[in-house]
Amino acid sequence: MVTVDIITSSFVTLLVVIDPAGLAPMFLALTQRMAAPARRRVGVRACVIAALVLIGCVLGGNWLLVQLGISLSAFRIAGGLLLFSIASEMILGVRTERQSKTAEQAREEHKHDVAAFPLAVPLMAGPGAITATLLLAGRAGHDLAALAVLVAIIVANMLVCLCAYLIATRIERLFGTSGINVLSRLLGLLLAALAVQFIVDGIRAVLAG
């Protein structure tokens, strides 16, 4: 059964992992030489590509785990550990530095479609977002209503990202580099708590099974 608490926790989990506010400066760096209409098209295209990748994980994630012989409990523990690692990078500021290097490298080469790489993958639909989506899809199981809600949550997160891209200049001006770094660390702490919960749930399932 889909409850308000499940919807809220799922939305917050994906929102924290994707971190739209933290991606806004990356978006500006990747599109700084573009006109406003072209910049908007890049933002829309990146959100569509990232949404398709994550929705694909929702629809095919459980099937893939079954084919690989991986139990949901084991994936919860492994996924929780990965999310905790990403959270620690956010808290220590390592993730932001790596994303900045990826954005700068892609901008300098500029031969790539920056909407697809690196904006959609791996900055938006990266290992953390894919892992979180698979964990949430596993929790939904075969409940079509719950899976449909998860797809809607992914779309809602992409809309938040698109809004962040459209007002990226204002976000950067409002928070500044220091403000965005502080926000990223706070979100990292929240993600760490969510990751620990995934690990605890996985261990409980293993012990109960």
Protein backbone atom coordinates (compact mmCIF):
# COMPACT_ATOMS: atom_id res chain seq x y z
CA MET A 1 0.00 0.00 0.00
CA VAL A 2 1.31 3.43 -0.98
CA THR A 3 1.24 5.86 1.94
CA VAL A 4 2.10 9.53 2.23
CA ASP A 5 5.19 8.62 4.28
CA ILE A 6 6.46 6.29 1.54
CA ILE A 7 5.85 8.90 -1.15
CA THR A 8 7.60 11.59 0.89
CA SER A 9 10.61 9.43 1.78
CA SER A 10 10.99 8.26 -1.83
CA PHE A 11 10.81 11.81 -3.18
CA VAL A 12 13.28 13.13 -0.60
CA THR A 13 15.70 10.24 -1.20
CA LEU A 14 15.91 10.91 -4.93
CA LEU A 15 15.95 14.67 -4.45
CA VAL A 16 18.89 14.47 -2.04
CA VAL A 17 20.85 12.07 -4.26
CA ILE A 18 20.31 14.13 -7.43
CA ASP A 19 20.85 17.46 -5.60
CA PRO A 20 19.36 19.97 -8.10
CA ALA A 21 20.74 23.02 -6.25
CA GLY A 22 24.23 21.55 -6.36
CA LEU A 23 23.89 20.78 -10.06
CA ALA A 24 22.89 24.35 -10.96
CA PRO A 25 26.50 25.66 -11.00
CA MET A 26 27.56 22.63 -13.08
CA PHE A 27 24.80 23.43 -15.55
CA LEU A 28 26.02 27.02 -15.82
CA ALA A 29 29.60 25.85 -16.37
CA LEU A 30 28.55 23.45 -19.13
CA THR A 31 26.33 25.96 -20.94
CA GLN A 32 28.07 29.27 -20.28
CA ARG A 33 28.83 29.84 -23.97
CA MET A 34 25.27 29.13 -25.08
CA ALA A 35 22.42 31.52 -25.73
CA ALA A 36 19.41 31.37 -23.41
CA PRO A 37 17.17 29.33 -25.80
CA ALA A 38 19.94 26.77 -26.40
CA ARG A 39 20.60 26.58 -22.66
CA ARG A 40 16.91 25.83 -22.01
CA ARG A 41 16.93 23.10 -24.67
CA VAL A 42 19.96 21.49 -23.04
CA GLY A 43 18.21 21.54 -19.65
CA VAL A 44 15.03 19.98 -21.01
CA ARG A 45 16.94 17.32 -22.96
CA ALA A 46 19.10 16.41 -19.95
CA CYS A 47 16.04 16.00 -17.73
CA VAL A 48 14.27 13.82 -20.30
CA ILE A 49 17.32 11.57 -20.76
CA ALA A 50 17.88 11.22 -17.00
CA ALA A 51 14.17 10.47 -16.45
CA LEU A 52 14.22 7.74 -19.11
CA VAL A 53 17.31 6.13 -17.55
CA LEU A 54 15.77 6.08 -14.06
CA ILE A 55 12.35 4.93 -15.29
CA GLY A 56 14.13 2.13 -17.13
CA CYS A 57 15.61 1.10 -13.77
CA VAL A 58 12.13 1.05 -12.25
CA LEU A 59 10.71 -1.14 -15.03
CA GLY A 60 13.65 -3.51 -15.44
CA GLY A 61 15.53 -3.33 -12.16
CA ASN A 62 13.83 -6.23 -10.37
CA TRP A 63 14.09 -8.43 -13.47
CA LEU A 64 17.83 -7.73 -13.67
CA LEU A 65 18.36 -8.59 -10.00
CA VAL A 66 16.51 -11.88 -10.47
CA GLN A 67 18.55 -12.76 -13.54
CA LEU A 68 21.78 -12.07 -11.63
CA GLY A 69 20.59 -14.07 -8.63
CA ILE A 70 20.85 -11.09 -6.29
CA SER A 71 18.36 -10.94 -3.43
CA LEU A 72 16.65 -7.67 -2.62
CA SER A 73 18.05 -7.81 0.92
CA ALA A 74 21.61 -8.08 -0.38
CA PHE A 75 21.02 -5.22 -2.78
CA ARG A 76 19.57 -3.08 0.00
CA ILE A 77 22.74 -3.57 2.05
CA ALA A 78 25.08 -2.98 -0.90
CA GLY A 79 23.02 -0.05 -2.16
CA GLY A 80 22.90 1.46 1.30
CA LEU A 81 26.68 1.22 1.58
CA LEU A 82 27.09 2.92 -1.81
CA LEU A 83 24.68 5.70 -0.87
CA PHE A 84 26.51 6.14 2.44
CA SER A 85 29.78 6.49 0.51
CA ILE A 86 28.21 9.15 -1.71
CA ALA A 87 26.81 10.91 1.37
CA SER A 88 30.26 10.98 2.97
CA GLU A 89 31.66 12.52 -0.22
CA MET A 90 28.95 15.18 -0.12
CA ILE A 91 29.70 15.97 3.52
CA LEU A 92 33.46 16.19 2.88
CA GLY A 93 33.01 18.16 -0.36
CA VAL A 94 34.69 15.51 -2.53
CA ARG A 95 31.64 14.93 -4.72
CA THR A 96 31.33 18.60 -5.66
CA GLU A 97 34.99 18.74 -6.67
CA ARG A 98 34.65 15.63 -8.84
CA GLN A 99 31.49 16.96 -10.51
CA SER A 100 33.24 20.27 -11.18
CA LYS A 101 36.16 18.47 -12.85
CA THR A 102 33.76 16.40 -14.98
CA ALA A 103 31.86 19.50 -16.05
CA GLU A 104 35.05 21.41 -16.84
CA GLN A 105 36.49 18.54 -18.85
CA ALA A 106 33.32 18.17 -20.91
CA ARG A 107 33.11 21.91 -21.46
CA GLU A 108 36.71 22.09 -22.70
CA GLU A 109 36.34 19.16 -25.06
CA HIS A 110 32.83 20.31 -26.10
CA LYS A 111 32.62 17.52 -28.63
CA HIS A 112 30.12 15.71 -26.48
CA ASP A 113 26.42 16.35 -26.21
CA VAL A 114 26.60 17.96 -22.76
CA ALA A 115 22.90 17.26 -22.19
CA ALA A 116 23.51 13.49 -22.38
CA PHE A 117 27.05 13.51 -20.95
CA PRO A 118 27.91 14.59 -18.36
CA LEU A 119 24.70 16.37 -17.35
CA ALA A 120 22.11 13.57 -17.62
CA VAL A 121 24.65 10.78 -17.03
CA PRO A 122 26.46 10.68 -14.64
CA LEU A 123 25.63 13.98 -12.88
CA MET A 124 21.84 13.44 -12.70
CA ALA A 125 21.26 9.73 -13.31
CA GLY A 126 24.52 8.58 -11.79
CA PRO A 127 25.35 5.53 -9.67
CA GLY A 128 23.72 7.04 -6.59
CA ALA A 129 20.43 7.91 -8.30
CA ILE A 130 20.29 4.56 -10.11
CA THR A 131 21.00 2.68 -6.88
CA ALA A 132 18.36 4.66 -4.98
CA THR A 133 15.83 4.05 -7.77
CA LEU A 134 16.50 0.30 -7.76
CA LEU A 135 16.13 0.22 -3.97
CA LEU A 136 12.83 2.10 -4.13
CA ALA A 137 11.60 -0.11 -6.97
CA GLY A 138 12.52 -3.18 -4.92
CA ARG A 139 10.52 -1.84 -2.00
CA ALA A 140 7.54 -1.34 -4.33
CA GLY A 141 7.83 -4.94 -5.51
CA HIS A 142 5.20 -5.96 -8.07
CA ASP A 143 2.65 -3.40 -6.90
CA LEU A 144 1.76 -1.57 -10.12
CA ALA A 145 0.29 1.38 -8.21
CA ALA A 146 3.49 1.78 -6.19
CA LEU A 147 5.63 1.54 -9.33
CA ALA A 148 3.46 4.15 -11.06
CA VAL A 149 3.88 6.45 -8.05
CA LEU A 150 7.65 5.94 -8.21
CA VAL A 151 7.68 6.88 -11.90
CA ALA A 152 5.69 10.02 -11.03
CA ILE A 153 8.23 10.81 -8.28
CA ILE A 154 11.07 10.51 -10.79
CA VAL A 155 9.27 12.88 -13.18
CA ALA A 156 8.64 15.31 -10.30
CA ASN A 157 12.35 15.28 -9.41
CA MET A 158 13.27 15.97 -13.02
CA LEU A 159 10.87 18.93 -13.04
CA VAL A 160 12.61 20.25 -9.93
CA CYS A 161 15.96 19.86 -11.72
CA LEU A 162 14.60 21.69 -14.77
CA CYS A 163 13.38 24.55 -12.59
CA ALA A 164 16.82 24.70 -10.94
CA TYR A 165 18.47 24.88 -14.38
CA LEU A 166 16.13 27.61 -15.58
CA ILE A 167 16.93 29.75 -12.54
CA ALA A 168 20.52 28.52 -12.14
CA THR A 169 21.97 32.03 -12.32
CA ARG A 170 19.67 33.21 -9.53
CA ILE A 171 20.48 30.18 -7.38
CA GLU A 172 24.20 30.76 -7.73
CA ARG A 173 23.77 34.47 -6.96
CA LEU A 174 21.47 33.76 -3.99
CA PHE A 175 23.50 31.04 -2.25
CA GLY A 176 26.98 31.69 -3.60
CA THR A 177 29.65 29.00 -3.67
CA SER A 178 29.84 28.78 0.12
CA GLY A 179 26.07 28.54 0.52
CA ILE A 180 25.79 25.75 -2.05
CA ASN A 181 28.62 23.85 -0.35
CA VAL A 182 26.87 24.15 3.03
CA LEU A 183 23.57 22.99 1.51
CA SER A 184 25.30 20.02 -0.14
CA ARG A 185 26.79 18.98 3.20
CA LEU A 186 23.43 19.19 4.96
CA LEU A 187 21.82 17.08 2.22
CA GLY A 188 24.72 14.64 2.52
CA LEU A 189 23.96 14.18 6.22
CA LEU A 190 20.32 13.46 5.41
CA LEU A 191 21.35 10.99 2.71
CA ALA A 192 23.67 9.23 5.17
CA ALA A 193 20.73 8.66 7.52
CA LEU A 194 18.60 7.29 4.66
CA ALA A 195 21.47 5.02 3.58
CA VAL A 196 21.81 3.59 7.09
CA GLN A 197 18.07 2.89 7.10
CA PHE A 198 18.40 0.91 3.84
CA ILE A 199 21.25 -1.11 5.39
CA VAL A 200 19.24 -1.79 8.57
CA ASP A 201 16.21 -2.88 6.53
CA GLY A 202 18.41 -5.24 4.50
CA ILE A 203 20.00 -6.80 7.58
CA ARG A 204 16.61 -7.25 9.23
CA ALA A 205 15.29 -9.01 6.12
CA VAL A 206 18.33 -11.32 6.03
CA LEU A 207 17.96 -12.23 9.72
CA ALA A 208 14.22 -12.76 9.36
CA GLY A 209 14.66 -14.91 6.23
